[in-house]
PDB file of N, CA and C in Angstrom:
ATOM      1  N   MET A   1      49.257 -93.209  49.771  1.00  0.00           N
ATOM      2  CA  MET A   1      48.628 -92.917  50.921  1.00  0.00           C
ATOM      3  C   MET A   1      49.594 -92.037  51.673  1.00  0.00           C
ATOM      4  N   ILE A   2      48.793 -91.107  52.320  1.00  0.00           N
ATOM      5  CA  ILE A   2      49.432 -89.720  53.306  1.00  0.00           C
ATOM      6  C   ILE A   2      48.966 -90.207  54.296  1.00  0.00           C
ATOM      7  N   ALA A   3      50.317 -90.415  55.544  1.00  0.00           N
ATOM      8  CA  ALA A   3      49.779 -89.691  57.128  1.00  0.00           C
ATOM      9  C   ALA A   3      49.771 -88.521  57.334  1.00  0.00           C
ATOM     10  N   GLU A   4      49.859 -88.552  59.042  1.00  0.00           N
ATOM     11  CA  GLU A   4      50.119 -87.507  59.518  1.00  0.00           C
ATOM     12  C   GLU A   4      51.385 -86.335  59.102  1.00  0.00           C
ATOM     13  N   LYS A   5      51.199 -85.261  58.804  1.00  0.00           N
ATOM     14  CA  LYS A   5      52.380 -84.289  58.188  1.00  0.00           C
ATOM     15  C   LYS A   5      52.976 -84.778  57.176  1.00  0.00           C
ATOM     16  N   GLY A   6      51.753 -85.343  56.588  1.00  0.00           N
ATOM     17  CA  GLY A   6      52.083 -85.438  54.858  1.00  0.00           C
ATOM     18  C   GLY A   6      53.176 -86.671  54.405  1.00  0.00           C
ATOM     19  N   ARG A   7      53.521 -87.236  55.385  1.00  0.00           N
ATOM     20  CA  ARG A   7      54.468 -88.187  54.892  1.00  0.00           C
ATOM     21  C   ARG A   7      53.989 -89.595  54.251  1.00  0.00           C
ATOM     22  N   LEU A   8      54.697 -90.151  53.275  1.00  0.00           N
ATOM     23  CA  LEU A   8      54.296 -91.000  52.104  1.00  0.00           C
ATOM     24  C   LEU A   8      54.346 -92.708  53.147  1.00  0.00           C
ATOM     25  N   VAL A   9      53.106 -93.018  53.578  1.00  0.00           N
ATOM     26  CA  VAL A   9      53.411 -94.517  54.255  1.00  0.00           C
ATOM     27  C   VAL A   9      53.260 -95.712  53.347  1.00  0.00           C
ATOM     28  N   GLY A  10      52.884 -95.626  51.875  1.00  0.00           N
ATOM     29  CA  GLY A  10      52.669 -96.639  51.075  1.00  0.00           C
ATOM     30  C   GLY A  10      51.907 -96.404  50.128  1.00  0.00           C
ATOM     31  N   LEU A  11      51.642 -97.347  48.845  1.00  0.00           N
ATOM     32  CA  LEU A  11      51.228 -97.173  48.218  1.00  0.00           C
ATOM     33  C   LEU A  11      50.349 -98.454  47.279  1.00  0.00           C
ATOM     34  N   VAL A  12      49.454 -98.215  46.763  1.00  0.00           N
ATOM     35  CA  VAL A  12      48.698 -99.382  45.759  1.00  0.00           C
ATOM     36  C   VAL A  12      48.595 -98.699  44.047  1.00  0.00           C
ATOM     37  N   CYS A  13      49.193-100.021  43.838  1.00  0.00           N
ATOM     38  CA  CYS A  13      49.120 -98.971  42.533  1.00  0.00           C
ATOM     39  C   CYS A  13      48.580-100.439  41.448  1.00  0.00           C
ATOM     40  N   ILE A  14      48.453-100.090  40.135  1.00  0.00           N
ATOM     41  CA  ILE A  14      47.684-100.794  39.454  1.00  0.00           C
ATOM     42  C   ILE A  14      48.335-100.765  38.056  1.00  0.00           C
ATOM     43  N   SER A  15      48.991-101.755  37.232  1.00  0.00           N
ATOM     44  CA  SER A  15      49.567-101.607  36.112  1.00  0.00           C
ATOM     45  C   SER A  15      48.487-102.202  34.628  1.00  0.00           C
ATOM     46  N   ILE A  16      47.571-100.909  34.028  1.00  0.00           N
ATOM     47  CA  ILE A  16      46.712-101.636  33.135  1.00  0.00           C
ATOM     48  C   ILE A  16      46.754-102.219  31.943  1.00  0.00           C
ATOM     49  N   ASP A  17      46.441-102.971  31.288  1.00  0.00           N
ATOM     50  CA  ASP A  17      46.557-103.737  30.213  1.00  0.00           C
ATOM     51  C   ASP A  17      45.334-103.649  29.515  1.00  0.00           C
ATOM     52  N   VAL A  18      45.181-102.522  29.090  1.00  0.00           N
ATOM     53  CA  VAL A  18      43.619-101.497  28.668  1.00  0.00           C
ATOM     54  C   VAL A  18      42.885-103.044  27.390  1.00  0.00           C
ATOM     55  N   GLU A  19      43.703-103.635  26.802  1.00  0.00           N
ATOM     56  CA  GLU A  19      43.801-103.942  25.659  1.00  0.00           C
ATOM     57  C   GLU A  19      42.734-105.709  26.057  1.00  0.00           C
ATOM     58  N   ASN A  20      43.082-105.982  27.235  1.00  0.00           N
ATOM     59  CA  ASN A  20      42.536-107.520  27.937  1.00  0.00           C
ATOM     60  C   ASN A  20      42.397-106.990  29.100  1.00  0.00           C
ATOM     61  N   ARG A  21      40.940-105.611  29.636  1.00  0.00           N
ATOM     62  CA  ARG A  21      40.494-105.140  30.345  1.00  0.00           C
ATOM     63  C   ARG A  21      41.209-106.003  31.796  1.00  0.00           C
ATOM     64  N   ASN A  22      42.476-106.193  32.097  1.00  0.00           N
ATOM     65  CA  ASN A  22      43.005-106.318  33.585  1.00  0.00           C
ATOM     66  C   ASN A  22      44.311-105.756  33.753  1.00  0.00           C
ATOM     67  N   ALA A  23      44.726-105.848  35.082  1.00  0.00           N
ATOM     68  CA  ALA A  23      45.800-104.929  35.784  1.00  0.00           C
ATOM     69  C   ALA A  23      46.569-105.980  36.385  1.00  0.00           C
ATOM     70  N   TRP A  24      47.834-105.447  36.696  1.00  0.00           N
ATOM     71  CA  TRP A  24      48.570-106.422  37.442  1.00  0.00           C
ATOM     72  C   TRP A  24      48.522-105.487  38.797  1.00  0.00           C
ATOM     73  N   PHE A  25      48.069-105.969  40.016  1.00  0.00           N
ATOM     74  CA  PHE A  25      47.958-105.374  41.433  1.00  0.00           C
ATOM     75  C   PHE A  25      48.691-105.332  42.126  1.00  0.00           C
ATOM     76  N   TRP A  26      49.753-104.406  42.665  1.00  0.00           N
ATOM     77  CA  TRP A  26      50.563-104.335  43.652  1.00  0.00           C
ATOM     78  C   TRP A  26      50.569-103.356  44.796  1.00  0.00           C
ATOM     79  N   TYR A  27      50.931-103.614  45.825  1.00  0.00           N
ATOM     80  CA  TYR A  27      51.299-102.321  47.040  1.00  0.00           C
ATOM     81  C   TYR A  27      52.384-102.458  47.865  1.00  0.00           C
ATOM     82  N   TRP A  28      52.863-101.437  48.373  1.00  0.00           N
ATOM     83  CA  TRP A  28      54.020-101.595  49.293  1.00  0.00           C
ATOM     84  C   TRP A  28      53.813-100.710  50.618  1.00  0.00           C
ATOM     85  N   MET A  29      53.956-101.209  51.755  1.00  0.00           N
ATOM     86  CA  MET A  29      53.897-100.341  52.684  1.00  0.00           C
ATOM     87  C   MET A  29      55.063 -99.853  53.861  1.00  0.00           C
ATOM     88  N   ASN A  30      55.036 -98.567  54.416  1.00  0.00           N
ATOM     89  CA  ASN A  30      56.317 -98.618  55.257  1.00  0.00           C
ATOM     90  C   ASN A  30      55.969 -99.219  56.452  1.00  0.00           C
ATOM     91  N   ASP A  31      57.453 -99.422  57.165  1.00  0.00           N
ATOM     92  CA  ASP A  31      57.273 -99.974  58.556  1.00  0.00           C
ATOM     93  C   ASP A  31      56.665 -99.873  59.695  1.00  0.00           C
ATOM     94  N   THR A  32      56.913 -98.396  59.505  1.00  0.00           N
ATOM     95  CA  THR A  32      56.164 -97.381  60.665  1.00  0.00           C
ATOM     96  C   THR A  32      54.787 -97.743  61.033  1.00  0.00           C
ATOM     97  N   THR A  33      53.614 -98.161  59.837  1.00  0.00           N
ATOM     98  CA  THR A  33      52.833 -98.010  59.251  1.00  0.00           C
ATOM     99  C   THR A  33      51.863 -99.486  59.194  1.00  0.00           C
ATOM    100  N   ARG A  34      52.478-100.550  59.532  1.00  0.00           N
ATOM    101  CA  ARG A  34      52.400-101.693  59.518  1.00  0.00           C
ATOM    102  C   ARG A  34      51.371-102.102  60.400  1.00  0.00           C
ATOM    103  N   GLY A  35      50.365-103.256  60.033  1.00  0.00           N
ATOM    104  CA  GLY A  35      49.923-103.684  61.410  1.00  0.00           C
ATOM    105  C   GLY A  35      48.583-103.333  61.802  1.00  0.00           C
ATOM    106  N   GLN A  36      47.968-102.134  60.977  1.00  0.00           N
ATOM    107  CA  GLN A  36      47.029-100.838  61.429  1.00  0.00           C
ATOM    108  C   GLN A  36      45.579-101.386  60.404  1.00  0.00           C
ATOM    109  N   GLY A  37      45.931-102.101  59.358  1.00  0.00           N
ATOM    110  CA  GLY A  37      44.562-102.275  58.572  1.00  0.00           C
ATOM    111  C   GLY A  37      44.643-101.176  57.647  1.00  0.00           C
ATOM    112  N   VAL A  38      45.529-100.119  57.623  1.00  0.00           N
ATOM    113  CA  VAL A  38      45.412 -99.141  56.682  1.00  0.00           C
ATOM    114  C   VAL A  38      45.423 -99.591  55.231  1.00  0.00           C
ATOM    115  N   MET A  39      46.729-100.905  54.603  1.00  0.00           N
ATOM    116  CA  MET A  39      47.022-101.345  53.626  1.00  0.00           C
ATOM    117  C   MET A  39      45.986-102.019  52.862  1.00  0.00           C
ATOM    118  N   SER A  40      45.086-102.699  53.805  1.00  0.00           N
ATOM    119  CA  SER A  40      44.025-103.659  53.269  1.00  0.00           C
ATOM    120  C   SER A  40      43.222-103.013  52.977  1.00  0.00           C
ATOM    121  N   ARG A  41      42.779-101.802  53.525  1.00  0.00           N
ATOM    122  CA  ARG A  41      41.757-101.130  53.213  1.00  0.00           C
ATOM    123  C   ARG A  41      41.893-100.016  52.009  1.00  0.00           C
ATOM    124  N   ALA A  42      42.996 -99.675  51.803  1.00  0.00           N
ATOM    125  CA  ALA A  42      43.298 -98.859  50.760  1.00  0.00           C
ATOM    126  C   ALA A  42      43.295 -99.857  49.618  1.00  0.00           C
ATOM    127  N   ALA A  43      44.158-101.207  49.498  1.00  0.00           N
ATOM    128  CA  ALA A  43      43.849-101.867  48.613  1.00  0.00           C
ATOM    129  C   ALA A  43      42.538-102.376  48.116  1.00  0.00           C
ATOM    130  N   ALA A  44      41.612-102.879  48.614  1.00  0.00           N
ATOM    131  CA  ALA A  44      40.401-102.938  48.556  1.00  0.00           C
ATOM    132  C   ALA A  44      39.714-101.989  48.059  1.00  0.00           C
ATOM    133  N   SER A  45      39.948-100.550  48.074  1.00  0.00           N
ATOM    134  CA  SER A  45      39.008 -99.487  47.667  1.00  0.00           C
ATOM    135  C   SER A  45      39.801 -99.181  46.424  1.00  0.00           C
ATOM    136  N   VAL A  46      41.072 -99.171  46.056  1.00  0.00           N
ATOM    137  CA  VAL A  46      41.367 -99.077  44.534  1.00  0.00           C
ATOM    138  C   VAL A  46      40.612-100.442  43.645  1.00  0.00           C
ATOM    139  N   ALA A  47      41.098-101.705  44.222  1.00  0.00           N
ATOM    140  CA  ALA A  47      40.332-102.558  43.358  1.00  0.00           C
ATOM    141  C   ALA A  47      39.241-102.129  43.091  1.00  0.00           C
ATOM    142  N   ASN A  48      38.249-101.768  44.381  1.00  0.00           N
ATOM    143  CA  ASN A  48      36.736-101.428  44.180  1.00  0.00           C
ATOM    144  C   ASN A  48      36.551-100.960  43.122  1.00  0.00           C
ATOM    145  N   VAL A  49      37.183 -99.389  42.625  1.00  0.00           N
ATOM    146  CA  VAL A  49      37.177 -98.387  42.105  1.00  0.00           C
ATOM    147  C   VAL A  49      37.426 -99.252  40.780  1.00  0.00           C
ATOM    148  N   ALA A  50      38.807 -99.927  40.371  1.00  0.00           N
ATOM    149  CA  ALA A  50      39.435-100.589  39.127  1.00  0.00           C
ATOM    150  C   ALA A  50      37.971-101.062  38.403  1.00  0.00           C
ATOM    151  N   LEU A  51      37.429-101.872  39.210  1.00  0.00           N
ATOM    152  CA  LEU A  51      36.454-103.208  38.697  1.00  0.00           C
ATOM    153  C   LEU A  51      35.108-102.387  38.644  1.00  0.00           C
ATOM    154  N   ALA A  52      34.906-101.457  39.465  1.00  0.00           N
ATOM    155  CA  ALA A  52      33.968-101.137  38.989  1.00  0.00           C
ATOM    156  C   ALA A  52      32.937 -99.615  38.393  1.00  0.00           C
ATOM    157  N   ASP A  53      34.538 -98.921  38.190  1.00  0.00           N
ATOM    158  CA  ASP A  53      34.643 -97.836  37.476  1.00  0.00           C
ATOM    159  C   ASP A  53      35.251 -97.701  36.346  1.00  0.00           C
ATOM    160  N   TRP A  54      36.289 -98.831  36.557  1.00  0.00           N
ATOM    161  CA  TRP A  54      37.297 -98.377  35.319  1.00  0.00           C
ATOM    162  C   TRP A  54      36.607 -99.786  34.113  1.00  0.00           C
ATOM    163  N   GLY A  55      35.939 -99.989  34.192  1.00  0.00           N
ATOM    164  CA  GLY A  55      35.618-101.490  33.435  1.00  0.00           C
ATOM    165  C   GLY A  55      36.831-102.721  33.335  1.00  0.00           C
ATOM    166  N   LEU A  56      37.691-102.143  34.031  1.00  0.00           N
ATOM    167  CA  LEU A  56      38.288-103.692  34.515  1.00  0.00           C
ATOM    168  C   LEU A  56      37.560-104.863  34.640  1.00  0.00           C
ATOM    169  N   GLU A  57      38.308-106.477  34.265  1.00  0.00           N
ATOM    170  CA  GLU A  57      37.276-107.484  34.251  1.00  0.00           C
ATOM    171  C   GLU A  57      38.589-108.144  35.516  1.00  0.00           C
ATOM    172  N   ARG A  58      39.768-108.261  35.473  1.00  0.00           N
ATOM    173  CA  ARG A  58      40.240-108.983  36.551  1.00  0.00           C
ATOM    174  C   ARG A  58      41.971-107.721  36.605  1.00  0.00           C
ATOM    175  N   LEU A  59      41.630-108.688  38.018  1.00  0.00           N
ATOM    176  CA  LEU A  59      42.842-107.803  38.656  1.00  0.00           C
ATOM    177  C   LEU A  59      43.580-109.066  39.206  1.00  0.00           C
ATOM    178  N   GLU A  60      45.188-108.869  38.808  1.00  0.00           N
ATOM    179  CA  GLU A  60      46.163-109.918  39.585  1.00  0.00           C
ATOM    180  C   GLU A  60      47.420-109.360  40.066  1.00  0.00           C
ATOM    181  N   LEU A  61      47.246-110.415  41.389  1.00  0.00           N
ATOM    182  CA  LEU A  61      48.139-109.293  42.567  1.00  0.00           C
ATOM    183  C   LEU A  61      49.302-111.253  42.770  1.00  0.00           C
ATOM    184  N   GLY A  62      50.577-111.038  42.781  1.00  0.00           N
ATOM    185  CA  GLY A  62      51.140-111.632  43.203  1.00  0.00           C
ATOM    186  C   GLY A  62      52.570-111.398  44.566  1.00  0.00           C
ATOM    187  N   TYR A  63      52.845-112.546  45.000  1.00  0.00           N
ATOM    188  CA  TYR A  63      53.439-112.106  46.425  1.00  0.00           C
ATOM    189  C   TYR A  63      54.068-113.127  46.667  1.00  0.00           C
ATOM    190  N   ARG A  64      55.196-113.262  47.168  1.00  0.00           N
ATOM    191  CA  ARG A  64      56.108-114.309  47.403  1.00  0.00           C
ATOM    192  C   ARG A  64      55.591-115.084  48.537  1.00  0.00           C
ATOM    193  N   VAL A  65      55.578-116.136  48.864  1.00  0.00           N
ATOM    194  CA  VAL A  65      55.263-116.903  49.551  1.00  0.00           C
ATOM    195  C   VAL A  65      56.074-116.928  51.179  1.00  0.00           C
ATOM    196  N   ASN A  66      57.243-116.149  51.176  1.00  0.00           N
ATOM    197  CA  ASN A  66      58.069-115.713  52.126  1.00  0.00           C
ATOM    198  C   ASN A  66      57.786-114.671  52.899  1.00  0.00           C
ATOM    199  N   ASN A  67      56.474-113.993  52.308  1.00  0.00           N
ATOM    200  CA  ASN A  67      56.088-112.613  52.682  1.00  0.00           C
ATOM    201  C   ASN A  67      54.373-112.823  53.183  1.00  0.00           C
ATOM    202  N   PRO A  68      54.563-113.443  54.338  1.00  0.00           N
ATOM    203  CA  PRO A  68      53.140-113.398  55.002  1.00  0.00           C
ATOM    204  C   PRO A  68      52.459-112.610  55.030  1.00  0.00           C
ATOM    205  N   ALA A  69      53.239-111.270  55.368  1.00  0.00           N
ATOM    206  CA  ALA A  69      52.353-109.723  55.306  1.00  0.00           C
ATOM    207  C   ALA A  69      51.697-109.550  54.193  1.00  0.00           C
ATOM    208  N   SER A  70      52.268-109.897  53.454  1.00  0.00           N
ATOM    209  CA  SER A  70      51.710-109.397  51.994  1.00  0.00           C
ATOM    210  C   SER A  70      50.251-110.197  51.880  1.00  0.00           C
ATOM    211  N   GLY A  71      50.507-111.689  51.912  1.00  0.00           N
ATOM    212  CA  GLY A  71      49.481-112.453  51.935  1.00  0.00           C
ATOM    213  C   GLY A  71      47.868-111.627  53.038  1.00  0.00           C
ATOM    214  N   ALA A  72      48.599-111.648  54.039  1.00  0.00           N
ATOM    215  CA  ALA A  72      47.277-111.134  54.990  1.00  0.00           C
ATOM    216  C   ALA A  72      46.881-109.821  54.282  1.00  0.00           C
ATOM    217  N   VAL A  73      47.264-109.115  53.645  1.00  0.00           N
ATOM    218  CA  VAL A  73      46.565-108.252  53.216  1.00  0.00           C
ATOM    219  C   VAL A  73      45.592-107.955  51.965  1.00  0.00           C
ATOM    220  N   ALA A  74      46.442-109.022  51.494  1.00  0.00           N
ATOM    221  CA  ALA A  74      45.585-109.415  49.891  1.00  0.00           C
ATOM    222  C   ALA A  74      44.012-110.549  50.679  1.00  0.00           C
ATOM    223  N   LYS A  75      44.444-111.078  51.656  1.00  0.00           N
ATOM    224  CA  LYS A  75      43.202-112.021  52.467  1.00  0.00           C
ATOM    225  C   LYS A  75      42.208-110.904  52.546  1.00  0.00           C
ATOM    226  N   ALA A  76      42.569-109.811  53.536  1.00  0.00           N
ATOM    227  CA  ALA A  76      41.852-108.780  54.344  1.00  0.00           C
ATOM    228  C   ALA A  76      41.504-108.102  53.233  1.00  0.00           C
ATOM    229  N   ALA A  77      41.681-107.776  52.071  1.00  0.00           N
ATOM    230  CA  ALA A  77      41.484-107.108  51.379  1.00  0.00           C
ATOM    231  C   ALA A  77      40.203-107.733  50.504  1.00  0.00           C
ATOM    232  N   GLY A  78      40.201-108.804  50.348  1.00  0.00           N
ATOM    233  CA  GLY A  78      38.925-109.941  49.806  1.00  0.00           C
ATOM    234  C   GLY A  78      39.409-110.437  48.751  1.00  0.00           C
ATOM    235  N   ILE A  79      41.152-110.461  48.370  1.00  0.00           N
ATOM    236  CA  ILE A  79      41.557-110.910  47.331  1.00  0.00           C
ATOM    237  C   ILE A  79      41.238-112.328  47.024  1.00  0.00           C
ATOM    238  N   ILE A  80      41.002-113.582  46.104  1.00  0.00           N
ATOM    239  CA  ILE A  80      40.736-114.227  46.161  1.00  0.00           C
ATOM    240  C   ILE A  80      42.373-115.316  45.824  1.00  0.00           C
ATOM    241  N   LYS A  81      42.730-116.225  46.129  1.00  0.00           N
ATOM    242  CA  LYS A  81      43.764-117.109  46.106  1.00  0.00           C
ATOM    243  C   LYS A  81      43.410-117.983  44.957  1.00  0.00           C
ATOM    244  N   GLU A  82      44.100-117.659  44.092  1.00  0.00           N
ATOM    245  CA  GLU A  82      44.134-118.533  42.765  1.00  0.00           C
ATOM    246  C   GLU A  82      44.877-119.957  42.975  1.00  0.00           C
ATOM    247  N   GLY A  83      46.009-119.784  43.480  1.00  0.00           N
ATOM    248  CA  GLY A  83      46.846-120.722  43.153  1.00  0.00           C
ATOM    249  C   GLY A  83      48.716-120.195  43.688  1.00  0.00           C
ATOM    250  N   THR A  84      49.777-121.436  43.561  1.00  0.00           N
ATOM    251  CA  THR A  84      50.861-120.893  43.885  1.00  0.00           C
ATOM    252  C   THR A  84      51.696-121.059  42.467  1.00  0.00           C
ATOM    253  N   GLU A  85      52.210-120.009  42.212  1.00  0.00           N
ATOM    254  CA  GLU A  85      52.922-120.105  40.760  1.00  0.00           C
ATOM    255  C   GLU A  85      54.860-120.396  41.775  1.00  0.00           C
ATOM    256  N   ARG A  86      55.083-121.562  41.115  1.00  0.00           N
ATOM    257  CA  ARG A  86      56.248-122.003  41.312  1.00  0.00           C
ATOM    258  C   ARG A  86      57.264-121.819  40.465  1.00  0.00           C
ATOM    259  N   ALA A  87      58.712-121.600  40.901  1.00  0.00           N
ATOM    260  CA  ALA A  87      59.845-121.994  39.695  1.00  0.00           C
ATOM    261  C   ALA A  87      59.799-120.778  38.820  1.00  0.00           C
ATOM    262  N   LYS A  88      59.377-119.807  39.560  1.00  0.00           N
ATOM    263  CA  LYS A  88      59.128-118.541  38.133  1.00  0.00           C
ATOM    264  C   LYS A  88      60.697-117.591  37.999  1.00  0.00           C
ATOM    265  N   PHE A  89      61.175-117.385  39.303  1.00  0.00           N
ATOM    266  CA  PHE A  89      62.560-116.893  39.461  1.00  0.00           C
ATOM    267  C   PHE A  89      63.697-117.615  39.641  1.00  0.00           C
ATOM    268  N   LEU A  90      64.835-117.135  38.912  1.00  0.00           N
ATOM    269  CA  LEU A  90      65.886-117.980  39.077  1.00  0.00           C
ATOM    270  C   LEU A  90      66.576-117.823  40.558  1.00  0.00           C
ATOM    271  N   LEU A  91      66.382-117.081  41.043  1.00  0.00           N
ATOM    272  CA  LEU A  91      66.948-116.724  42.597  1.00  0.00           C
ATOM    273  C   LEU A  91      65.987-117.556  43.472  1.00  0.00           C
TER     274      LEU A  91
END
């Protein structure tokens, strides 16, 4: 995503598993642009294209439970929470 003056403010990316027609979905946002709904709109747009136009069957998104802002983006983008994965990392 590019904001005014050509400055990068965020990314929405997917890493595709072609064989299984699914993808890992992730995003990043610059602090200066947070809270304006930009990321949730961008995430929803990318998800819609991936599912409708690229033939993907599933997108997966994970975020840390101590990052409620990322969870809010996911919810606003229409991503359905399936559960909480526990004890995945040693840290």
